[in-house]
């Protein structure tokens, strides 16, 4: 693992502490909000540079694996996430929405790192990336409308505007970059590697901006924010057991079982965070809930990768 990837939980935690620690400086807090959208867009631009949309057809070569992934990620997981959220977070609609957005967006980057660590089928995991990315962008607003259209937190105009600013524009710019540089492979690779290398830093700066500008909100709602850990841990436990049962019944080998596990457990909170920044500008707890998630997710995924290696001996 790259140093930045390995240290991502620590870097994000440090950004939170710095943001909160400096939240009493008016000049800084007045301007930190402008960092959030900018650096999230830079991060997603880099992500879209890496995603090989031209290989989308590869997602459908292993029909059994792909269909299993899509059913778990986009049918089972939204229902499970909403049930767990309502069960434990129904007292705070903003924390509930933040948790739901976190659960609904499958990871598009670090799940590959943990798949490799657990000796899973890396090529198969990589092949599912483009369709996972496209479907979560399309389905996230639909699921938000289905489950939360009756709450006062939903604003359709702001949701559409957010997707345009933080998803559509970076996506189009990334595709234009790849098209313009398609015959200049070395330059294309250098730009992609540059943005890939600093994605964690971009995210950390955005996280700093969130906690610096909303320090008072955090301190006033600390108990509510920490509650998100309970349904998140249950999500990992339930889906880990489900993946094992499904893989056995589908007769997946160990490598494919590992790929299934990591692809259905890892969540893509930066993308959900980018959408939430502009979709819910008056609901800071949604953003904070999304940021808190990875602090427990990444250590859990590391532990699961080690557990899978232990399971490998008996699988």
C-alpha atoms as a PDB file:
ATOM      1  CA  UNK A   1       0.000   0.000   0.000  1.00  0.00           C
ATOM      2  CA  UNK A   2       1.174   3.525  -0.716  1.00  0.00           C
ATOM      3  CA  UNK A   3       2.072   5.569   2.373  1.00  0.00           C
ATOM      4  CA  UNK A   4      -0.863   7.961   1.860  1.00  0.00           C
ATOM      5  CA  UNK A   5      -3.323   5.082   1.343  1.00  0.00           C
ATOM      6  CA  UNK A   6      -2.055   3.203   4.395  1.00  0.00           C
ATOM      7  CA  UNK A   7      -2.213   6.321   6.508  1.00  0.00           C
ATOM      8  CA  UNK A   8      -5.558   7.605   5.240  1.00  0.00           C
ATOM      9  CA  UNK A   9      -7.495   7.032   8.500  1.00  0.00           C
ATOM     10  CA  UNK A  10      -4.770   8.845  10.466  1.00  0.00           C
ATOM     11  CA  UNK A  11      -4.620  11.693   7.932  1.00  0.00           C
ATOM     12  CA  UNK A  12      -8.403  12.155   7.978  1.00  0.00           C
ATOM     13  CA  UNK A  13      -8.447  11.997  11.776  1.00  0.00           C
ATOM     14  CA  UNK A  14      -5.681  14.619  11.925  1.00  0.00           C
ATOM     15  CA  UNK A  15      -7.669  16.836   9.524  1.00  0.00           C
ATOM     16  CA  UNK A  16     -10.697  16.535  11.833  1.00  0.00           C
ATOM     17  CA  UNK A  17      -8.641  17.434  14.904  1.00  0.00           C
ATOM     18  CA  UNK A  18      -7.017  20.404  13.167  1.00  0.00           C
ATOM     19  CA  UNK A  19     -10.369  21.597  11.869  1.00  0.00           C
ATOM     20  CA  UNK A  20     -11.953  21.424  15.308  1.00  0.00           C
ATOM     21  CA  UNK A  21      -8.895  22.813  17.083  1.00  0.00           C
ATOM     22  CA  UNK A  22      -8.796  25.892  14.841  1.00  0.00           C
ATOM     23  CA  UNK A  23     -12.557  26.404  14.695  1.00  0.00           C
ATOM     24  CA  UNK A  24     -12.333  29.341  17.108  1.00  0.00           C
ATOM     25  CA  UNK A  25     -10.379  31.465  14.612  1.00  0.00           C
ATOM     26  CA  UNK A  26     -13.041  33.606  12.850  1.00  0.00           C
ATOM     27  CA  UNK A  27     -10.894  34.548   9.845  1.00  0.00           C
ATOM     28  CA  UNK A  28     -10.149  30.875   9.125  1.00  0.00           C
ATOM     29  CA  UNK A  29     -13.669  29.544   9.685  1.00  0.00           C
ATOM     30  CA  UNK A  30     -15.136  32.274   7.466  1.00  0.00           C
ATOM     31  CA  UNK A  31     -13.097  31.044   4.499  1.00  0.00           C
ATOM     32  CA  UNK A  32     -12.671  27.315   5.142  1.00  0.00           C
ATOM     33  CA  UNK A  33     -16.054  26.508   3.608  1.00  0.00           C
ATOM     34  CA  UNK A  34     -14.761  27.492   0.171  1.00  0.00           C
ATOM     35  CA  UNK A  35     -12.185  24.690   0.377  1.00  0.00           C
ATOM     36  CA  UNK A  36     -14.767  21.927   0.547  1.00  0.00           C
ATOM     37  CA  UNK A  37     -16.334  21.858  -2.920  1.00  0.00           C
ATOM     38  CA  UNK A  38     -13.076  22.788  -4.695  1.00  0.00           C
ATOM     39  CA  UNK A  39     -10.995  19.969  -3.250  1.00  0.00           C
ATOM     40  CA  UNK A  40     -13.775  17.388  -3.491  1.00  0.00           C
ATOM     41  CA  UNK A  41     -14.098  18.235  -7.200  1.00  0.00           C
ATOM     42  CA  UNK A  42     -10.327  17.868  -7.658  1.00  0.00           C
ATOM     43  CA  UNK A  43     -10.459  14.501  -5.917  1.00  0.00           C
ATOM     44  CA  UNK A  44     -13.332  13.234  -8.072  1.00  0.00           C
ATOM     45  CA  UNK A  45     -11.682  14.556 -11.242  1.00  0.00           C
ATOM     46  CA  UNK A  46      -8.682  12.369 -10.367  1.00  0.00           C
ATOM     47  CA  UNK A  47     -10.944   9.414  -9.662  1.00  0.00           C
ATOM     48  CA  UNK A  48     -12.700   9.747 -13.022  1.00  0.00           C
ATOM     49  CA  UNK A  49      -9.306   9.916 -14.749  1.00  0.00           C
ATOM     50  CA  UNK A  50      -8.494   6.489 -13.311  1.00  0.00           C
ATOM     51  CA  UNK A  51     -11.790   4.751 -14.131  1.00  0.00           C
ATOM     52  CA  UNK A  52     -11.472   2.903 -17.474  1.00  0.00           C
ATOM     53  CA  UNK A  53     -14.971   3.415 -18.905  1.00  0.00           C
ATOM     54  CA  UNK A  54     -13.803   1.861 -22.183  1.00  0.00           C
ATOM     55  CA  UNK A  55     -13.541  -1.422 -20.266  1.00  0.00           C
ATOM     56  CA  UNK A  56     -17.171  -1.278 -19.092  1.00  0.00           C
ATOM     57  CA  UNK A  57     -17.988  -4.319 -21.215  1.00  0.00           C
ATOM     58  CA  UNK A  58     -15.636  -6.384 -19.038  1.00  0.00           C
ATOM     59  CA  UNK A  59     -18.113  -6.017 -16.162  1.00  0.00           C
ATOM     60  CA  UNK A  60     -20.524  -8.293 -18.001  1.00  0.00           C
ATOM     61  CA  UNK A  61     -18.101 -11.082 -18.902  1.00  0.00           C
ATOM     62  CA  UNK A  62     -18.624 -12.894 -15.593  1.00  0.00           C
ATOM     63  CA  UNK A  63     -22.413 -12.685 -15.422  1.00  0.00           C
ATOM     64  CA  UNK A  64     -22.756 -14.678 -12.199  1.00  0.00           C
ATOM     65  CA  UNK A  65     -20.282 -12.499 -10.292  1.00  0.00           C
ATOM     66  CA  UNK A  66     -21.555  -9.182 -11.674  1.00  0.00           C
ATOM     67  CA  UNK A  67     -25.237  -9.947 -11.095  1.00  0.00           C
ATOM     68  CA  UNK A  68     -24.488 -11.056  -7.516  1.00  0.00           C
ATOM     69  CA  UNK A  69     -22.552  -7.850  -6.825  1.00  0.00           C
ATOM     70  CA  UNK A  70     -25.269  -5.617  -8.281  1.00  0.00           C
ATOM     71  CA  UNK A  71     -28.073  -7.322  -6.343  1.00  0.00           C
ATOM     72  CA  UNK A  72     -26.183  -6.990  -3.043  1.00  0.00           C
ATOM     73  CA  UNK A  73     -24.924  -3.435  -3.657  1.00  0.00           C
ATOM     74  CA  UNK A  74     -28.013  -1.843  -5.158  1.00  0.00           C
ATOM     75  CA  UNK A  75     -31.005  -3.842  -3.891  1.00  0.00           C
ATOM     76  CA  UNK A  76     -30.069  -5.553  -0.623  1.00  0.00           C
ATOM     77  CA  UNK A  77     -27.711  -2.904   0.787  1.00  0.00           C
ATOM     78  CA  UNK A  78     -30.080   0.104   0.421  1.00  0.00           C
ATOM     79  CA  UNK A  79     -32.815  -1.835   2.223  1.00  0.00           C
ATOM     80  CA  UNK A  80     -30.432  -3.021   4.938  1.00  0.00           C
ATOM     81  CA  UNK A  81     -28.927   0.452   5.310  1.00  0.00           C
ATOM     82  CA  UNK A  82     -32.304   2.133   5.646  1.00  0.00           C
ATOM     83  CA  UNK A  83     -33.506  -0.474   8.164  1.00  0.00           C
ATOM     84  CA  UNK A  84     -30.360  -0.111  10.332  1.00  0.00           C
ATOM     85  CA  UNK A  85     -30.485   3.665  10.052  1.00  0.00           C
ATOM     86  CA  UNK A  86     -34.115   3.929  11.102  1.00  0.00           C
ATOM     87  CA  UNK A  87     -33.530   1.442  13.913  1.00  0.00           C
ATOM     88  CA  UNK A  88     -30.620   3.343  15.478  1.00  0.00           C
ATOM     89  CA  UNK A  89     -30.698   6.892  14.058  1.00  0.00           C
ATOM     90  CA  UNK A  90     -34.383   7.727  13.613  1.00  0.00           C
ATOM     91  CA  UNK A  91     -34.099  10.518  16.185  1.00  0.00           C
ATOM     92  CA  UNK A  92     -31.860  12.562  13.865  1.00  0.00           C
ATOM     93  CA  UNK A  93     -32.871  12.752  10.185  1.00  0.00           C
ATOM     94  CA  UNK A  94     -29.578  14.400   9.127  1.00  0.00           C
ATOM     95  CA  UNK A  95     -27.383  11.697  10.656  1.00  0.00           C
ATOM     96  CA  UNK A  96     -29.730   9.095   9.142  1.00  0.00           C
ATOM     97  CA  UNK A  97     -29.382  10.582   5.633  1.00  0.00           C
ATOM     98  CA  UNK A  98     -25.589  10.787   6.021  1.00  0.00           C
ATOM     99  CA  UNK A  99     -25.409   7.133   7.073  1.00  0.00           C
ATOM    100  CA  UNK A 100     -27.699   6.079   4.230  1.00  0.00           C
ATOM    101  CA  UNK A 101     -25.604   7.948   1.634  1.00  0.00           C
ATOM    102  CA  UNK A 102     -22.462   6.312   2.999  1.00  0.00           C
ATOM    103  CA  UNK A 103     -23.955   2.823   2.856  1.00  0.00           C
ATOM    104  CA  UNK A 104     -25.432   3.277  -0.633  1.00  0.00           C
ATOM    105  CA  UNK A 105     -22.211   4.184  -2.473  1.00  0.00           C
ATOM    106  CA  UNK A 106     -19.869   1.225  -3.207  1.00  0.00           C
ATOM    107  CA  UNK A 107     -16.170   2.042  -3.090  1.00  0.00           C
ATOM    108  CA  UNK A 108     -14.303   2.764  -6.323  1.00  0.00           C
ATOM    109  CA  UNK A 109     -10.716   2.899  -5.110  1.00  0.00           C
ATOM    110  CA  UNK A 110      -9.391   1.442  -1.840  1.00  0.00           C
ATOM    111  CA  UNK A 111     -11.428  -1.781  -2.107  1.00  0.00           C
ATOM    112  CA  UNK A 112      -8.832  -2.829  -4.704  1.00  0.00           C
ATOM    113  CA  UNK A 113      -6.040  -2.334  -2.170  1.00  0.00           C
ATOM    114  CA  UNK A 114      -7.744  -4.577   0.391  1.00  0.00           C
ATOM    115  CA  UNK A 115      -8.683  -7.146  -2.281  1.00  0.00           C
ATOM    116  CA  UNK A 116      -5.014  -7.398  -3.185  1.00  0.00           C
ATOM    117  CA  UNK A 117      -4.005  -7.699   0.487  1.00  0.00           C
ATOM    118  CA  UNK A 118      -6.441 -10.592   0.953  1.00  0.00           C
ATOM    119  CA  UNK A 119      -5.232 -12.251  -2.288  1.00  0.00           C
ATOM    120  CA  UNK A 120      -8.564 -11.900  -4.070  1.00  0.00           C
ATOM    121  CA  UNK A 121      -9.256 -11.790  -7.801  1.00  0.00           C
ATOM    122  CA  UNK A 122      -7.969  -8.273  -8.496  1.00  0.00           C
ATOM    123  CA  UNK A 123      -8.829  -8.302 -12.216  1.00  0.00           C
ATOM    124  CA  UNK A 124     -12.399  -9.346 -11.485  1.00  0.00           C
ATOM    125  CA  UNK A 125     -12.731  -6.649  -8.821  1.00  0.00           C
ATOM    126  CA  UNK A 126     -11.345  -4.045 -11.203  1.00  0.00           C
ATOM    127  CA  UNK A 127     -13.764  -5.067 -13.955  1.00  0.00           C
ATOM    128  CA  UNK A 128     -16.783  -4.238 -11.751  1.00  0.00           C
ATOM    129  CA  UNK A 129     -15.518  -0.712 -10.978  1.00  0.00           C
ATOM    130  CA  UNK A 130     -17.013   1.221 -13.952  1.00  0.00           C
ATOM    131  CA  UNK A 131     -20.542  -0.172 -13.581  1.00  0.00           C
ATOM    132  CA  UNK A 132     -20.448   0.296  -9.781  1.00  0.00           C
ATOM    133  CA  UNK A 133     -19.482   3.939 -10.279  1.00  0.00           C
ATOM    134  CA  UNK A 134     -22.136   4.659 -12.913  1.00  0.00           C
ATOM    135  CA  UNK A 135     -24.965   2.945 -11.030  1.00  0.00           C
ATOM    136  CA  UNK A 136     -24.269   4.680  -7.721  1.00  0.00           C
ATOM    137  CA  UNK A 137     -24.271   8.091  -9.404  1.00  0.00           C
ATOM    138  CA  UNK A 138     -27.573   7.299 -11.124  1.00  0.00           C
ATOM    139  CA  UNK A 139     -29.288   5.521  -8.221  1.00  0.00           C
ATOM    140  CA  UNK A 140     -28.180   7.644  -5.252  1.00  0.00           C
ATOM    141  CA  UNK A 141     -30.534  10.567  -6.007  1.00  0.00           C
ATOM    142  CA  UNK A 142     -33.340   8.132  -6.850  1.00  0.00           C
ATOM    143  CA  UNK A 143     -32.992   6.309  -3.528  1.00  0.00           C
ATOM    144  CA  UNK A 144     -32.766   9.608  -1.635  1.00  0.00           C
ATOM    145  CA  UNK A 145     -36.056  10.696  -3.198  1.00  0.00           C
ATOM    146  CA  UNK A 146     -37.712   7.322  -2.515  1.00  0.00           C
ATOM    147  CA  UNK A 147     -36.711   7.133   1.147  1.00  0.00           C
ATOM    148  CA  UNK A 148     -36.522  10.796   2.171  1.00  0.00           C
ATOM    149  CA  UNK A 149     -38.850  12.785  -0.098  1.00  0.00           C
ATOM    150  CA  UNK A 150     -41.235  13.338   2.823  1.00  0.00           C
ATOM    151  CA  UNK A 151     -38.536  14.836   5.059  1.00  0.00           C
ATOM    152  CA  UNK A 152     -37.809  18.547   5.179  1.00  0.00           C
ATOM    153  CA  UNK A 153     -34.160  17.884   4.311  1.00  0.00           C
ATOM    154  CA  UNK A 154     -34.789  17.091   0.633  1.00  0.00           C
ATOM    155  CA  UNK A 155     -34.473  19.830  -1.979  1.00  0.00           C
ATOM    156  CA  UNK A 156     -34.647  18.503  -5.560  1.00  0.00           C
ATOM    157  CA  UNK A 157     -33.091  21.598  -7.102  1.00  0.00           C
ATOM    158  CA  UNK A 158     -30.081  21.495  -4.767  1.00  0.00           C
ATOM    159  CA  UNK A 159     -29.685  17.737  -5.340  1.00  0.00           C
ATOM    160  CA  UNK A 160     -29.643  18.219  -9.133  1.00  0.00           C
ATOM    161  CA  UNK A 161     -27.293  21.208  -8.836  1.00  0.00           C
ATOM    162  CA  UNK A 162     -24.922  19.234  -6.612  1.00  0.00           C
ATOM    163  CA  UNK A 163     -24.703  16.331  -9.061  1.00  0.00           C
ATOM    164  CA  UNK A 164     -24.003  18.791 -11.902  1.00  0.00           C
ATOM    165  CA  UNK A 165     -21.243  20.650 -10.033  1.00  0.00           C
ATOM    166  CA  UNK A 166     -19.400  17.855  -8.257  1.00  0.00           C
ATOM    167  CA  UNK A 167     -20.108  14.853 -10.511  1.00  0.00           C
ATOM    168  CA  UNK A 168     -21.017  15.817 -14.078  1.00  0.00           C
ATOM    169  CA  UNK A 169     -18.475  18.624 -14.570  1.00  0.00           C
ATOM    170  CA  UNK A 170     -15.453  16.726 -13.128  1.00  0.00           C
ATOM    171  CA  UNK A 171     -16.555  13.643 -15.099  1.00  0.00           C
ATOM    172  CA  UNK A 172     -16.754  15.558 -18.404  1.00  0.00           C
ATOM    173  CA  UNK A 173     -13.421  17.308 -17.752  1.00  0.00           C
ATOM    174  CA  UNK A 174     -11.772  13.946 -17.003  1.00  0.00           C
ATOM    175  CA  UNK A 175     -13.107  12.417 -20.233  1.00  0.00           C
ATOM    176  CA  UNK A 176     -11.991  15.480 -22.227  1.00  0.00           C
ATOM    177  CA  UNK A 177      -8.534  15.210 -20.685  1.00  0.00           C
ATOM    178  CA  UNK A 178      -8.269  11.551 -21.661  1.00  0.00           C
ATOM    179  CA  UNK A 179      -9.533  12.289 -25.180  1.00  0.00           C
ATOM    180  CA  UNK A 180      -7.150  15.202 -25.751  1.00  0.00           C
ATOM    181  CA  UNK A 181      -4.187  13.228 -24.424  1.00  0.00           C
ATOM    182  CA  UNK A 182      -5.116   9.861 -25.935  1.00  0.00           C
ATOM    183  CA  UNK A 183      -2.058   9.970 -28.216  1.00  0.00           C
ATOM    184  CA  UNK A 184       0.197  11.324 -25.475  1.00  0.00           C
ATOM    185  CA  UNK A 185       0.352   8.345 -23.184  1.00  0.00           C
ATOM    186  CA  UNK A 186       3.186   9.537 -20.939  1.00  0.00           C
ATOM    187  CA  UNK A 187       1.586  12.928 -20.244  1.00  0.00           C
ATOM    188  CA  UNK A 188      -1.777  11.234 -19.604  1.00  0.00           C
ATOM    189  CA  UNK A 189      -0.179   8.793 -17.163  1.00  0.00           C
ATOM    190  CA  UNK A 190       1.682  11.576 -15.313  1.00  0.00           C
ATOM    191  CA  UNK A 191      -1.510  13.630 -14.842  1.00  0.00           C
ATOM    192  CA  UNK A 192      -3.462  10.572 -13.686  1.00  0.00           C
ATOM    193  CA  UNK A 193      -0.714   9.523 -11.267  1.00  0.00           C
ATOM    194  CA  UNK A 194      -0.426  13.071  -9.913  1.00  0.00           C
ATOM    195  CA  UNK A 195      -4.128  13.321  -9.046  1.00  0.00           C
ATOM    196  CA  UNK A 196      -4.210   9.724  -7.798  1.00  0.00           C
ATOM    197  CA  UNK A 197      -1.241  10.367  -5.501  1.00  0.00           C
ATOM    198  CA  UNK A 198      -2.838  13.376  -3.840  1.00  0.00           C
ATOM    199  CA  UNK A 199      -6.471  12.206  -3.604  1.00  0.00           C
ATOM    200  CA  UNK A 200      -6.094  11.583   0.128  1.00  0.00           C
ATOM    201  CA  UNK A 201      -4.662  15.093   0.602  1.00  0.00           C
ATOM    202  CA  UNK A 202      -7.545  16.649  -1.371  1.00  0.00           C
ATOM    203  CA  UNK A 203     -10.030  14.751   0.797  1.00  0.00           C
ATOM    204  CA  UNK A 204      -8.195  15.757   3.988  1.00  0.00           C
ATOM    205  CA  UNK A 205      -8.331  19.457   3.050  1.00  0.00           C
ATOM    206  CA  UNK A 206     -12.070  19.187   2.359  1.00  0.00           C
ATOM    207  CA  UNK A 207     -12.586  17.394   5.691  1.00  0.00           C
ATOM    208  CA  UNK A 208     -10.594  20.112   7.459  1.00  0.00           C
ATOM    209  CA  UNK A 209     -12.906  22.702   5.893  1.00  0.00           C
ATOM    210  CA  UNK A 210     -16.037  20.856   7.047  1.00  0.00           C
ATOM    211  CA  UNK A 211     -14.961  20.479  10.669  1.00  0.00           C
ATOM    212  CA  UNK A 212     -13.371  23.916  10.864  1.00  0.00           C
ATOM    213  CA  UNK A 213     -16.507  25.664   9.637  1.00  0.00           C
ATOM    214  CA  UNK A 214     -18.862  23.458  11.679  1.00  0.00           C
ATOM    215  CA  UNK A 215     -16.945  22.995  14.931  1.00  0.00           C
ATOM    216  CA  UNK A 216     -19.816  24.247  17.074  1.00  0.00           C
ATOM    217  CA  UNK A 217     -22.234  21.820  15.382  1.00  0.00           C
ATOM    218  CA  UNK A 218     -19.910  18.905  16.156  1.00  0.00           C
ATOM    219  CA  UNK A 219     -19.476  19.764  19.832  1.00  0.00           C
ATOM    220  CA  UNK A 220     -23.224  20.266  20.272  1.00  0.00           C
ATOM    221  CA  UNK A 221     -24.123  16.925  18.628  1.00  0.00           C
ATOM    222  CA  UNK A 222     -21.245  14.650  19.599  1.00  0.00           C
ATOM    223  CA  UNK A 223     -23.452  11.885  21.016  1.00  0.00           C
ATOM    224  CA  UNK A 224     -25.628  11.787  17.883  1.00  0.00           C
ATOM    225  CA  UNK A 225     -22.571  11.657  15.615  1.00  0.00           C
ATOM    226  CA  UNK A 226     -20.969   8.750  17.503  1.00  0.00           C
ATOM    227  CA  UNK A 227     -24.208   6.760  17.200  1.00  0.00           C
ATOM    228  CA  UNK A 228     -23.422   6.164  13.508  1.00  0.00           C
ATOM    229  CA  UNK A 229     -20.775   3.620  14.533  1.00  0.00           C
ATOM    230  CA  UNK A 230     -23.404   1.126  15.771  1.00  0.00           C
ATOM    231  CA  UNK A 231     -25.331   0.595  12.491  1.00  0.00           C
ATOM    232  CA  UNK A 232     -22.076   0.815  10.509  1.00  0.00           C
ATOM    233  CA  UNK A 233     -20.468  -2.032  12.462  1.00  0.00           C
ATOM    234  CA  UNK A 234     -23.672  -4.075  12.111  1.00  0.00           C
ATOM    235  CA  UNK A 235     -23.633  -3.427   8.355  1.00  0.00           C
ATOM    236  CA  UNK A 236     -20.121  -4.892   8.093  1.00  0.00           C
ATOM    237  CA  UNK A 237     -20.985  -7.923  10.212  1.00  0.00           C
ATOM    238  CA  UNK A 238     -24.254  -8.727   8.415  1.00  0.00           C
ATOM    239  CA  UNK A 239     -22.840  -8.300   4.923  1.00  0.00           C
ATOM    240  CA  UNK A 240     -19.684 -10.257   5.760  1.00  0.00           C
ATOM    241  CA  UNK A 241     -21.816 -13.227   6.838  1.00  0.00           C
ATOM    242  CA  UNK A 242     -24.111 -12.796   3.829  1.00  0.00           C
ATOM    243  CA  UNK A 243     -21.149 -12.741   1.430  1.00  0.00           C
ATOM    244  CA  UNK A 244     -19.821 -16.003   2.862  1.00  0.00           C
ATOM    245  CA  UNK A 245     -23.202 -17.725   2.517  1.00  0.00           C
ATOM    246  CA  UNK A 246     -23.770 -16.396  -1.011  1.00  0.00           C
ATOM    247  CA  UNK A 247     -20.254 -17.326  -2.170  1.00  0.00           C
ATOM    248  CA  UNK A 248     -20.665 -20.879  -0.876  1.00  0.00           C
ATOM    249  CA  UNK A 249     -24.040 -21.290  -2.562  1.00  0.00           C
ATOM    250  CA  UNK A 250     -22.781 -19.753  -5.823  1.00  0.00           C
ATOM    251  CA  UNK A 251     -19.696 -22.013  -5.624  1.00  0.00           C
ATOM    252  CA  UNK A 252     -17.241 -19.112  -5.892  1.00  0.00           C
ATOM    253  CA  UNK A 253     -13.590 -20.004  -5.366  1.00  0.00           C
ATOM    254  CA  UNK A 254     -11.660 -18.184  -2.621  1.00  0.00           C
ATOM    255  CA  UNK A 255     -10.340 -15.456  -4.919  1.00  0.00           C
ATOM    256  CA  UNK A 256     -13.816 -14.588  -6.226  1.00  0.00           C
ATOM    257  CA  UNK A 257     -15.319 -14.829  -2.735  1.00  0.00           C
ATOM    258  CA  UNK A 258     -12.751 -12.303  -1.495  1.00  0.00           C
ATOM    259  CA  UNK A 259     -13.517  -9.956  -4.381  1.00  0.00           C
ATOM    260  CA  UNK A 260     -17.229 -10.257  -3.632  1.00  0.00           C
ATOM    261  CA  UNK A 261     -16.625  -9.450   0.049  1.00  0.00           C
ATOM    262  CA  UNK A 262     -14.481  -6.371  -0.503  1.00  0.00           C
ATOM    263  CA  UNK A 263     -16.670  -4.998  -3.288  1.00  0.00           C
ATOM    264  CA  UNK A 264     -19.820  -5.224  -1.175  1.00  0.00           C
ATOM    265  CA  UNK A 265     -18.299  -4.012   2.116  1.00  0.00           C
ATOM    266  CA  UNK A 266     -16.130  -1.045   1.100  1.00  0.00           C
ATOM    267  CA  UNK A 267     -18.054   2.228   0.793  1.00  0.00           C
ATOM    268  CA  UNK A 268     -17.242   5.314  -1.297  1.00  0.00           C
ATOM    269  CA  UNK A 269     -17.886   8.121   1.188  1.00  0.00           C
ATOM    270  CA  UNK A 270     -15.934  10.812  -0.765  1.00  0.00           C
ATOM    271  CA  UNK A 271     -18.394  10.624  -3.660  1.00  0.00           C
ATOM    272  CA  UNK A 272     -21.394  10.732  -1.320  1.00  0.00           C
ATOM    273  CA  UNK A 273     -19.720  13.575   0.566  1.00  0.00           C
ATOM    274  CA  UNK A 274     -19.246  15.558  -2.644  1.00  0.00           C
ATOM    275  CA  UNK A 275     -22.936  15.243  -3.485  1.00  0.00           C
ATOM    276  CA  UNK A 276     -24.025  16.077   0.076  1.00  0.00           C
ATOM    277  CA  UNK A 277     -21.959  19.284   0.247  1.00  0.00           C
ATOM    278  CA  UNK A 278     -24.231  21.111  -2.197  1.00  0.00           C
ATOM    279  CA  UNK A 279     -27.395  19.017  -1.843  1.00  0.00           C
ATOM    280  CA  UNK A 280     -27.824  19.721   1.882  1.00  0.00           C
ATOM    281  CA  UNK A 281     -26.073  23.051   2.570  1.00  0.00           C
ATOM    282  CA  UNK A 282     -28.092  23.652   5.740  1.00  0.00           C
ATOM    283  CA  UNK A 283     -27.655  20.128   7.126  1.00  0.00           C
ATOM    284  CA  UNK A 284     -24.085  20.006   8.377  1.00  0.00           C
ATOM    285  CA  UNK A 285     -24.602  16.788  10.334  1.00  0.00           C
ATOM    286  CA  UNK A 286     -25.048  14.896   7.052  1.00  0.00           C
ATOM    287  CA  UNK A 287     -21.534  15.895   5.994  1.00  0.00           C
ATOM    288  CA  UNK A 288     -20.056  15.133   9.396  1.00  0.00           C
ATOM    289  CA  UNK A 289     -21.693  11.705   9.476  1.00  0.00           C
ATOM    290  CA  UNK A 290     -20.168  10.882   6.083  1.00  0.00           C
ATOM    291  CA  UNK A 291     -16.701  11.915   7.219  1.00  0.00           C
ATOM    292  CA  UNK A 292     -16.853   9.900  10.448  1.00  0.00           C
ATOM    293  CA  UNK A 293     -17.646   6.685   8.543  1.00  0.00           C
ATOM    294  CA  UNK A 294     -14.197   6.034   7.014  1.00  0.00           C
ATOM    295  CA  UNK A 295     -12.504   6.379  10.402  1.00  0.00           C
ATOM    296  CA  UNK A 296     -13.992   3.030  11.328  1.00  0.00           C
ATOM    297  CA  UNK A 297     -14.399   1.577   7.823  1.00  0.00           C
ATOM    298  CA  UNK A 298     -10.727   1.498   6.812  1.00  0.00           C
ATOM    299  CA  UNK A 299      -9.454  -0.254   9.975  1.00  0.00           C
ATOM    300  CA  UNK A 300     -12.365  -2.713   9.690  1.00  0.00           C
ATOM    301  CA  UNK A 301     -11.495  -3.510   6.055  1.00  0.00           C
ATOM    302  CA  UNK A 302      -7.874  -4.059   7.051  1.00  0.00           C
ATOM    303  CA  UNK A 303      -9.005  -6.485   9.763  1.00  0.00           C
ATOM    304  CA  UNK A 304     -11.330  -8.267   7.332  1.00  0.00           C
ATOM    305  CA  UNK A 305      -8.498  -8.689   4.824  1.00  0.00           C
ATOM    306  CA  UNK A 306      -6.511 -10.518   7.531  1.00  0.00           C
ATOM    307  CA  UNK A 307      -9.565 -12.578   8.512  1.00  0.00           C
ATOM    308  CA  UNK A 308     -10.078 -13.607   4.886  1.00  0.00           C
ATOM    309  CA  UNK A 309      -6.484 -14.838   4.702  1.00  0.00           C
ATOM    310  CA  UNK A 310      -7.194 -16.993   7.756  1.00  0.00           C
ATOM    311  CA  UNK A 311     -10.385 -18.301   6.141  1.00  0.00           C
ATOM    312  CA  UNK A 312      -8.442 -19.126   2.966  1.00  0.00           C
ATOM    313  CA  UNK A 313      -6.750 -22.074   4.682  1.00  0.00           C
ATOM    314  CA  UNK A 314     -10.144 -23.749   5.294  1.00  0.00           C
ATOM    315  CA  UNK A 315     -12.211 -22.376   2.418  1.00  0.00           C
END
